[in-house]
Structure formats: C-alpha cells, structure tokens
C-alpha cells in the first residue's frame, strides 16, 4: 500500500484537497494528513503550529478563526510544478478532507498534531465529533500520533477507530504500550528502521507503516521486511 504524505506534498500543496486528489490520481490508496484546531475549535488540516511556512499569512493556527484561515492562500509557498493549478487552494477543514476521501475511496491516516498538552482533549473530542457526524466509514480511517496520551484518549472516546503510534526510535516498552492500547499500527521513521525492529513489530501482529520514503529503489527491501504501507511525497513513483 502507498500513502501520499500530507496529500502528495511534492506534487501539490500539502494538506490540501488538491493534494488528496493528486494522491488518488497517482494510484495511492491512502493519504497521511495532519489535523489541529482553529481558534474557534474547528479541526483543520495543517501541519505546523503557524501558517507561516505553507501560506501567505503569519501567526498561530490556534489563534486564528476558521474564517481567517480560509482567507489564506495554501498554495503561496508551494514550489513544485503546476503551481497555477492550485491558485484557489485553501486550508481545508477535517470535514472537507474526509468527505473527499470518502468520495475517492481513499483511506485517511489522520495524524493528530499536538503543539501544547492542553490541546489533547479538545482536539480529540472535536475530531471524534466530526467523524461521527459524517458517519465516516471506520475501515477507511486511522488515528495516528507521536503522543501516547492522544492515543489513550482516542481509545477511551472512540475505541472502534484504529490507532497508530508514530515513532522515530525504539521507545522503551513500545510493544507493551502497543498491546495495552490495542494499537493497529506502528508508523516508523524509515531512516531509523532496522530489519530486526521490523520483525518485532510484525511478530506482535501490528501493521508497519514507514515515513517518509522517497526512494523507490528501496521499496523492495522494505517490503521484504514486512512493511505494509509506504508513506511518500511522491506517490507517482511507486
């Protein structure tokens, strides 16, 4: 399986509806995207704490209303080809992103971005509320996070949704925590993954996703290790 990273971030502005569409055009069956809250507690799709890197605006996402965020140009900093195609791109809401994924038949790996610990409860609550209101198909959704507290609250609030731990190292007691939280998957930094670690993860009955892998010639090696899903900026190359 191939996941478009932040949509298809090398081919379209990241975390946008255009990115989801581009990933689907490339044959990806999954997309990995980031979600956090606006000031008025609407889940929106953006990675950074601020809008500075990816838009023509400046300031913290969590201090801007949805109306303000929607006025920003999400294509302003995109440096790939075909920039003119994305001149109307906005920061999408989670609802908009999920509806498009459902329409395209794509699975969403939803990374829950936490920039402050106080964001955990309200963010997870609003995400769950949105998913339930849309009656989004749960076989097309994974909640993922670096934060075990986020995954714990996800399990408490909506245990039916699959959960994945994102990591760049073999965290202490990782496998025990995975069992305690009934995790579906481990999402491992491909540059740190070893064959031995991959074997342990698969032996524990977990799905193994790797990020961010942009070298197609390495795909066969990772698949031989049991990797189930490759998250890439270039879904057109796999």
C-alpha atoms as a PDB file:
ATOM      1  CA  UNK A   1       0.000   0.000   0.000  1.00  0.00           C
ATOM      2  CA  UNK A   2       1.124   3.536  -0.761  1.00  0.00           C
ATOM      3  CA  UNK A   3       0.186   6.633   1.263  1.00  0.00           C
ATOM      4  CA  UNK A   4       0.540  10.142  -0.098  1.00  0.00           C
ATOM      5  CA  UNK A   5       2.372  12.173   2.565  1.00  0.00           C
ATOM      6  CA  UNK A   6       0.321  15.239   3.554  1.00  0.00           C
ATOM      7  CA  UNK A   7      -1.733  14.502   0.442  1.00  0.00           C
ATOM      8  CA  UNK A   8       1.055  14.387  -2.131  1.00  0.00           C
ATOM      9  CA  UNK A   9       3.281  17.171  -0.886  1.00  0.00           C
ATOM     10  CA  UNK A  10       5.880  17.085  -3.668  1.00  0.00           C
ATOM     11  CA  UNK A  11       3.181  17.275  -6.327  1.00  0.00           C
ATOM     12  CA  UNK A  12       0.542  19.573  -4.800  1.00  0.00           C
ATOM     13  CA  UNK A  13       0.299  21.961  -1.824  1.00  0.00           C
ATOM     14  CA  UNK A  14       0.486  19.915   1.365  1.00  0.00           C
ATOM     15  CA  UNK A  15      -2.577  19.106   3.466  1.00  0.00           C
ATOM     16  CA  UNK A  16      -5.000  20.390   0.830  1.00  0.00           C
ATOM     17  CA  UNK A  17      -7.899  18.911  -1.093  1.00  0.00           C
ATOM     18  CA  UNK A  18      -5.768  19.211  -4.237  1.00  0.00           C
ATOM     19  CA  UNK A  19      -3.181  17.023  -2.521  1.00  0.00           C
ATOM     20  CA  UNK A  20      -5.745  14.319  -1.789  1.00  0.00           C
ATOM     21  CA  UNK A  21      -6.929  14.402  -5.393  1.00  0.00           C
ATOM     22  CA  UNK A  22      -3.358  14.227  -6.697  1.00  0.00           C
ATOM     23  CA  UNK A  23      -2.564  11.230  -4.475  1.00  0.00           C
ATOM     24  CA  UNK A  24      -5.638   9.452  -5.836  1.00  0.00           C
ATOM     25  CA  UNK A  25      -4.637  10.291  -9.422  1.00  0.00           C
ATOM     26  CA  UNK A  26      -1.244   8.696  -8.726  1.00  0.00           C
ATOM     27  CA  UNK A  27      -2.889   5.477  -7.558  1.00  0.00           C
ATOM     28  CA  UNK A  28      -2.312   5.922  -3.814  1.00  0.00           C
ATOM     29  CA  UNK A  29      -4.953   4.157  -1.746  1.00  0.00           C
ATOM     30  CA  UNK A  30      -4.116   6.108   1.435  1.00  0.00           C
ATOM     31  CA  UNK A  31      -3.269   9.674   2.387  1.00  0.00           C
ATOM     32  CA  UNK A  32      -1.500  10.833   5.546  1.00  0.00           C
ATOM     33  CA  UNK A  33      -2.631  14.292   6.701  1.00  0.00           C
ATOM     34  CA  UNK A  34      -2.344  16.482   9.779  1.00  0.00           C
ATOM     35  CA  UNK A  35      -5.133  17.977  11.876  1.00  0.00           C
ATOM     36  CA  UNK A  36      -5.287  20.599  14.623  1.00  0.00           C
ATOM     37  CA  UNK A  37      -7.823  23.138  15.937  1.00  0.00           C
ATOM     38  CA  UNK A  38      -8.559  26.676  14.825  1.00  0.00           C
ATOM     39  CA  UNK A  39      -9.274  29.316  17.479  1.00  0.00           C
ATOM     40  CA  UNK A  40     -12.995  28.554  17.185  1.00  0.00           C
ATOM     41  CA  UNK A  41     -12.310  24.842  17.677  1.00  0.00           C
ATOM     42  CA  UNK A  42     -12.807  23.625  14.129  1.00  0.00           C
ATOM     43  CA  UNK A  43     -10.458  20.770  13.099  1.00  0.00           C
ATOM     44  CA  UNK A  44      -8.368  21.998  10.164  1.00  0.00           C
ATOM     45  CA  UNK A  45      -5.739  20.292   8.027  1.00  0.00           C
ATOM     46  CA  UNK A  46      -2.297  21.823   8.590  1.00  0.00           C
ATOM     47  CA  UNK A  47       0.988  20.524   9.993  1.00  0.00           C
ATOM     48  CA  UNK A  48       2.826  23.414  11.630  1.00  0.00           C
ATOM     49  CA  UNK A  49       1.950  25.404  14.723  1.00  0.00           C
ATOM     50  CA  UNK A  50       1.870  28.504  12.500  1.00  0.00           C
ATOM     51  CA  UNK A  51       0.613  29.228   8.993  1.00  0.00           C
ATOM     52  CA  UNK A  52       3.927  30.876   8.045  1.00  0.00           C
ATOM     53  CA  UNK A  53       5.610  28.075   6.077  1.00  0.00           C
ATOM     54  CA  UNK A  54       2.733  26.954   3.864  1.00  0.00           C
ATOM     55  CA  UNK A  55       0.562  30.041   3.303  1.00  0.00           C
ATOM     56  CA  UNK A  56       0.804  33.772   2.620  1.00  0.00           C
ATOM     57  CA  UNK A  57      -0.202  34.512   6.229  1.00  0.00           C
ATOM     58  CA  UNK A  58       1.575  34.723   9.546  1.00  0.00           C
ATOM     59  CA  UNK A  59       0.565  33.625  13.016  1.00  0.00           C
ATOM     60  CA  UNK A  60      -0.512  30.642  15.088  1.00  0.00           C
ATOM     61  CA  UNK A  61      -3.181  28.329  13.723  1.00  0.00           C
ATOM     62  CA  UNK A  62      -4.719  28.009  17.176  1.00  0.00           C
ATOM     63  CA  UNK A  63      -5.194  31.780  17.424  1.00  0.00           C
ATOM     64  CA  UNK A  64      -6.968  32.166  14.065  1.00  0.00           C
ATOM     65  CA  UNK A  65     -10.645  31.581  13.369  1.00  0.00           C
ATOM     66  CA  UNK A  66     -11.725  29.313  10.554  1.00  0.00           C
ATOM     67  CA  UNK A  67     -12.910  32.369   8.639  1.00  0.00           C
ATOM     68  CA  UNK A  68      -9.428  33.916   8.873  1.00  0.00           C
ATOM     69  CA  UNK A  69      -7.691  30.662   7.918  1.00  0.00           C
ATOM     70  CA  UNK A  70      -9.954  30.260   4.887  1.00  0.00           C
ATOM     71  CA  UNK A  71      -8.791  33.624   3.552  1.00  0.00           C
ATOM     72  CA  UNK A  72      -5.185  32.417   3.301  1.00  0.00           C
ATOM     73  CA  UNK A  73      -3.567  31.083   0.131  1.00  0.00           C
ATOM     74  CA  UNK A  74      -2.477  27.494   0.815  1.00  0.00           C
ATOM     75  CA  UNK A  75      -0.586  27.451  -2.490  1.00  0.00           C
ATOM     76  CA  UNK A  76       1.561  30.501  -1.746  1.00  0.00           C
ATOM     77  CA  UNK A  77       4.706  28.607  -0.729  1.00  0.00           C
ATOM     78  CA  UNK A  78       4.315  25.509  -2.913  1.00  0.00           C
ATOM     79  CA  UNK A  79       7.452  25.139  -5.027  1.00  0.00           C
ATOM     80  CA  UNK A  80       6.513  22.186  -7.210  1.00  0.00           C
ATOM     81  CA  UNK A  81       5.444  22.249 -10.828  1.00  0.00           C
ATOM     82  CA  UNK A  82       1.940  23.243 -11.962  1.00  0.00           C
ATOM     83  CA  UNK A  83       1.559  25.867  -9.241  1.00  0.00           C
ATOM     84  CA  UNK A  84      -1.027  27.669 -11.367  1.00  0.00           C
ATOM     85  CA  UNK A  85      -3.364  24.695 -10.994  1.00  0.00           C
ATOM     86  CA  UNK A  86      -3.650  25.335  -7.268  1.00  0.00           C
ATOM     87  CA  UNK A  87      -4.232  29.098  -7.153  1.00  0.00           C
ATOM     88  CA  UNK A  88      -7.556  28.678  -5.339  1.00  0.00           C
ATOM     89  CA  UNK A  89      -6.348  26.290  -2.632  1.00  0.00           C
ATOM     90  CA  UNK A  90      -7.429  26.937   0.937  1.00  0.00           C
ATOM     91  CA  UNK A  91      -6.679  25.236   4.244  1.00  0.00           C
ATOM     92  CA  UNK A  92      -9.399  22.551   4.348  1.00  0.00           C
ATOM     93  CA  UNK A  93     -11.420  21.507   7.342  1.00  0.00           C
ATOM     94  CA  UNK A  94     -11.328  17.912   8.526  1.00  0.00           C
ATOM     95  CA  UNK A  95     -14.904  17.551   7.347  1.00  0.00           C
ATOM     96  CA  UNK A  96     -13.975  18.630   3.817  1.00  0.00           C
ATOM     97  CA  UNK A  97     -10.976  16.288   3.731  1.00  0.00           C
ATOM     98  CA  UNK A  98     -12.938  13.279   4.977  1.00  0.00           C
ATOM     99  CA  UNK A  99     -15.793  13.869   2.548  1.00  0.00           C
ATOM    100  CA  UNK A 100     -13.317  13.953  -0.346  1.00  0.00           C
ATOM    101  CA  UNK A 101     -11.569  10.800   0.857  1.00  0.00           C
ATOM    102  CA  UNK A 102     -14.915   9.023   1.057  1.00  0.00           C
ATOM    103  CA  UNK A 103     -15.805  10.194  -2.435  1.00  0.00           C
ATOM    104  CA  UNK A 104     -12.468   8.944  -3.818  1.00  0.00           C
ATOM    105  CA  UNK A 105     -12.400   5.725  -1.781  1.00  0.00           C
ATOM    106  CA  UNK A 106      -9.127   6.679  -0.067  1.00  0.00           C
ATOM    107  CA  UNK A 107      -8.167   5.716   3.481  1.00  0.00           C
ATOM    108  CA  UNK A 108      -7.196   8.586   5.785  1.00  0.00           C
ATOM    109  CA  UNK A 109      -4.245   8.238   8.143  1.00  0.00           C
ATOM    110  CA  UNK A 110      -5.084  11.221  10.334  1.00  0.00           C
ATOM    111  CA  UNK A 111      -2.097  12.495  12.281  1.00  0.00           C
ATOM    112  CA  UNK A 112      -3.330  14.346  15.359  1.00  0.00           C
ATOM    113  CA  UNK A 113      -0.930  17.267  15.827  1.00  0.00           C
ATOM    114  CA  UNK A 114      -0.305  18.387  19.381  1.00  0.00           C
ATOM    115  CA  UNK A 115       1.684  21.586  19.902  1.00  0.00           C
ATOM    116  CA  UNK A 116       0.594  22.030  23.554  1.00  0.00           C
ATOM    117  CA  UNK A 117      -0.564  19.375  26.035  1.00  0.00           C
ATOM    118  CA  UNK A 118      -3.721  21.373  26.758  1.00  0.00           C
ATOM    119  CA  UNK A 119      -4.841  20.716  23.158  1.00  0.00           C
ATOM    120  CA  UNK A 120      -5.194  16.955  23.559  1.00  0.00           C
ATOM    121  CA  UNK A 121      -8.718  16.682  24.951  1.00  0.00           C
ATOM    122  CA  UNK A 122     -10.478  19.376  22.876  1.00  0.00           C
ATOM    123  CA  UNK A 123      -8.774  18.300  19.647  1.00  0.00           C
ATOM    124  CA  UNK A 124      -9.589  14.607  20.008  1.00  0.00           C
ATOM    125  CA  UNK A 125     -13.149  15.464  21.066  1.00  0.00           C
ATOM    126  CA  UNK A 126     -13.752  17.647  18.010  1.00  0.00           C
ATOM    127  CA  UNK A 127     -12.198  15.080  15.665  1.00  0.00           C
ATOM    128  CA  UNK A 128     -14.405  12.315  17.049  1.00  0.00           C
ATOM    129  CA  UNK A 129     -17.459  14.576  16.832  1.00  0.00           C
ATOM    130  CA  UNK A 130     -16.726  15.280  13.159  1.00  0.00           C
ATOM    131  CA  UNK A 131     -16.137  11.631  12.263  1.00  0.00           C
ATOM    132  CA  UNK A 132     -19.357  10.558  13.975  1.00  0.00           C
ATOM    133  CA  UNK A 133     -21.437  13.350  12.405  1.00  0.00           C
ATOM    134  CA  UNK A 134     -20.245  12.305   8.958  1.00  0.00           C
ATOM    135  CA  UNK A 135     -20.748   8.626   9.750  1.00  0.00           C
ATOM    136  CA  UNK A 136     -17.362   8.195   8.101  1.00  0.00           C
ATOM    137  CA  UNK A 137     -16.515   4.539   7.324  1.00  0.00           C
ATOM    138  CA  UNK A 138     -14.125   3.403  10.048  1.00  0.00           C
ATOM    139  CA  UNK A 139     -12.424   0.884   7.779  1.00  0.00           C
ATOM    140  CA  UNK A 140     -11.125   3.934   5.903  1.00  0.00           C
ATOM    141  CA  UNK A 141      -9.653   5.726   8.914  1.00  0.00           C
ATOM    142  CA  UNK A 142      -6.669   5.509  11.268  1.00  0.00           C
ATOM    143  CA  UNK A 143      -5.912   7.952  14.086  1.00  0.00           C
ATOM    144  CA  UNK A 144      -2.143   8.372  14.492  1.00  0.00           C
ATOM    145  CA  UNK A 145       0.088  10.368  16.816  1.00  0.00           C
ATOM    146  CA  UNK A 146       3.536  10.591  18.368  1.00  0.00           C
ATOM    147  CA  UNK A 147       1.773  11.181  21.685  1.00  0.00           C
ATOM    148  CA  UNK A 148       0.666   8.175  23.736  1.00  0.00           C
ATOM    149  CA  UNK A 149      -1.711  10.417  25.668  1.00  0.00           C
ATOM    150  CA  UNK A 150      -3.525  11.238  22.438  1.00  0.00           C
ATOM    151  CA  UNK A 151      -3.839   7.575  21.516  1.00  0.00           C
ATOM    152  CA  UNK A 152      -5.054   6.739  25.022  1.00  0.00           C
ATOM    153  CA  UNK A 153      -7.796   9.358  24.807  1.00  0.00           C
ATOM    154  CA  UNK A 154      -8.720   8.191  21.298  1.00  0.00           C
ATOM    155  CA  UNK A 155      -9.185   4.680  22.657  1.00  0.00           C
ATOM    156  CA  UNK A 156     -11.311   5.976  25.535  1.00  0.00           C
ATOM    157  CA  UNK A 157     -13.506   8.212  23.398  1.00  0.00           C
ATOM    158  CA  UNK A 158     -13.845   6.164  20.193  1.00  0.00           C
ATOM    159  CA  UNK A 159     -12.275   2.699  20.579  1.00  0.00           C
ATOM    160  CA  UNK A 160     -13.730   1.497  17.275  1.00  0.00           C
ATOM    161  CA  UNK A 161     -11.272   3.652  15.292  1.00  0.00           C
ATOM    162  CA  UNK A 162      -7.903   2.061  14.536  1.00  0.00           C
ATOM    163  CA  UNK A 163      -4.903   3.738  16.168  1.00  0.00           C
ATOM    164  CA  UNK A 164      -1.240   4.013  15.193  1.00  0.00           C
ATOM    165  CA  UNK A 165       1.854   5.170  17.076  1.00  0.00           C
ATOM    166  CA  UNK A 166       4.283   7.350  15.123  1.00  0.00           C
ATOM    167  CA  UNK A 167       7.911   6.991  16.199  1.00  0.00           C
ATOM    168  CA  UNK A 168      11.468   7.534  15.072  1.00  0.00           C
ATOM    169  CA  UNK A 169      13.065   5.199  17.603  1.00  0.00           C
ATOM    170  CA  UNK A 170      12.501   2.043  19.577  1.00  0.00           C
ATOM    171  CA  UNK A 171      10.804   3.621  22.551  1.00  0.00           C
ATOM    172  CA  UNK A 172      11.090   1.902  25.883  1.00  0.00           C
ATOM    173  CA  UNK A 173       8.196  -0.510  26.436  1.00  0.00           C
ATOM    174  CA  UNK A 174       6.821   0.324  22.989  1.00  0.00           C
ATOM    175  CA  UNK A 175       5.472  -3.161  22.350  1.00  0.00           C
ATOM    176  CA  UNK A 176       3.858  -3.348  25.772  1.00  0.00           C
ATOM    177  CA  UNK A 177       2.205   0.024  25.217  1.00  0.00           C
ATOM    178  CA  UNK A 178       1.042  -1.119  21.798  1.00  0.00           C
ATOM    179  CA  UNK A 179      -0.704  -4.084  23.410  1.00  0.00           C
ATOM    180  CA  UNK A 180      -2.206  -2.004  26.218  1.00  0.00           C
ATOM    181  CA  UNK A 181      -3.639   0.489  23.718  1.00  0.00           C
ATOM    182  CA  UNK A 182      -4.731  -2.221  21.257  1.00  0.00           C
ATOM    183  CA  UNK A 183      -2.864  -0.426  18.512  1.00  0.00           C
ATOM    184  CA  UNK A 184      -3.402  -1.258  14.866  1.00  0.00           C
ATOM    185  CA  UNK A 185      -0.071   0.018  13.572  1.00  0.00           C
ATOM    186  CA  UNK A 186       3.387   1.428  14.218  1.00  0.00           C
ATOM    187  CA  UNK A 187       4.456   4.258  11.901  1.00  0.00           C
ATOM    188  CA  UNK A 188       8.256   4.213  11.901  1.00  0.00           C
ATOM    189  CA  UNK A 189      10.817   6.658  10.531  1.00  0.00           C
ATOM    190  CA  UNK A 190      12.201   4.713   7.564  1.00  0.00           C
ATOM    191  CA  UNK A 191      15.696   6.117   8.081  1.00  0.00           C
ATOM    192  CA  UNK A 192      15.822   4.555  11.570  1.00  0.00           C
ATOM    193  CA  UNK A 193      14.032   1.280  10.914  1.00  0.00           C
ATOM    194  CA  UNK A 194      16.089  -1.921  11.087  1.00  0.00           C
ATOM    195  CA  UNK A 195      15.124  -5.358   9.850  1.00  0.00           C
ATOM    196  CA  UNK A 196      15.216  -6.613  13.443  1.00  0.00           C
ATOM    197  CA  UNK A 197      12.810  -3.881  14.585  1.00  0.00           C
ATOM    198  CA  UNK A 198      10.509  -4.580  11.657  1.00  0.00           C
ATOM    199  CA  UNK A 199      10.468  -8.272  12.572  1.00  0.00           C
ATOM    200  CA  UNK A 200       9.489  -7.461  16.177  1.00  0.00           C
ATOM    201  CA  UNK A 201       6.679  -5.165  15.087  1.00  0.00           C
ATOM    202  CA  UNK A 202       5.244  -7.705  12.656  1.00  0.00           C
ATOM    203  CA  UNK A 203       5.625 -10.552  15.176  1.00  0.00           C
ATOM    204  CA  UNK A 204       3.447  -8.514  17.548  1.00  0.00           C
ATOM    205  CA  UNK A 205       0.663  -8.583  14.969  1.00  0.00           C
ATOM    206  CA  UNK A 206       0.947  -4.886  14.108  1.00  0.00           C
ATOM    207  CA  UNK A 207       0.755  -3.187  10.747  1.00  0.00           C
ATOM    208  CA  UNK A 208       4.017  -1.440   9.854  1.00  0.00           C
ATOM    209  CA  UNK A 209       3.952   1.911   8.067  1.00  0.00           C
ATOM    210  CA  UNK A 210       7.136   3.835   7.206  1.00  0.00           C
ATOM    211  CA  UNK A 211       7.684   7.557   6.689  1.00  0.00           C
ATOM    212  CA  UNK A 212       8.788   9.443   4.654  1.00  0.00           C
ATOM    213  CA  UNK A 213      10.217   7.196   1.941  1.00  0.00           C
ATOM    214  CA  UNK A 214      11.059   8.896  -1.351  1.00  0.00           C
ATOM    215  CA  UNK A 215      13.466   6.339  -2.819  1.00  0.00           C
ATOM    216  CA  UNK A 216      11.561   3.816  -4.962  1.00  0.00           C
ATOM    217  CA  UNK A 217      14.613   1.571  -5.313  1.00  0.00           C
ATOM    218  CA  UNK A 218      14.397   0.773  -1.572  1.00  0.00           C
ATOM    219  CA  UNK A 219      10.756  -0.290  -1.684  1.00  0.00           C
ATOM    220  CA  UNK A 220      11.502  -3.969  -2.364  1.00  0.00           C
ATOM    221  CA  UNK A 221      13.835  -4.178   0.638  1.00  0.00           C
ATOM    222  CA  UNK A 222      11.279  -2.650   2.997  1.00  0.00           C
ATOM    223  CA  UNK A 223       8.531  -4.891   1.680  1.00  0.00           C
ATOM    224  CA  UNK A 224      10.760  -7.917   2.276  1.00  0.00           C
ATOM    225  CA  UNK A 225      10.970  -6.769   5.898  1.00  0.00           C
ATOM    226  CA  UNK A 226       7.189  -6.884   6.147  1.00  0.00           C
ATOM    227  CA  UNK A 227       6.415  -3.176   5.684  1.00  0.00           C
ATOM    228  CA  UNK A 228       2.717  -2.825   4.884  1.00  0.00           C
ATOM    229  CA  UNK A 229       2.458   0.831   3.909  1.00  0.00           C
ATOM    230  CA  UNK A 230       4.938   3.314   2.442  1.00  0.00           C
ATOM    231  CA  UNK A 231       4.259   6.979   3.159  1.00  0.00           C
ATOM    232  CA  UNK A 232       5.834   9.108   0.426  1.00  0.00           C
ATOM    233  CA  UNK A 233       5.900  12.621  -1.001  1.00  0.00           C
ATOM    234  CA  UNK A 234       5.966  11.048  -4.490  1.00  0.00           C
ATOM    235  CA  UNK A 235       3.102   8.547  -4.794  1.00  0.00           C
ATOM    236  CA  UNK A 236       3.529   8.717  -8.568  1.00  0.00           C
ATOM    237  CA  UNK A 237       6.901   6.923  -8.323  1.00  0.00           C
ATOM    238  CA  UNK A 238       5.763   3.715  -6.596  1.00  0.00           C
END
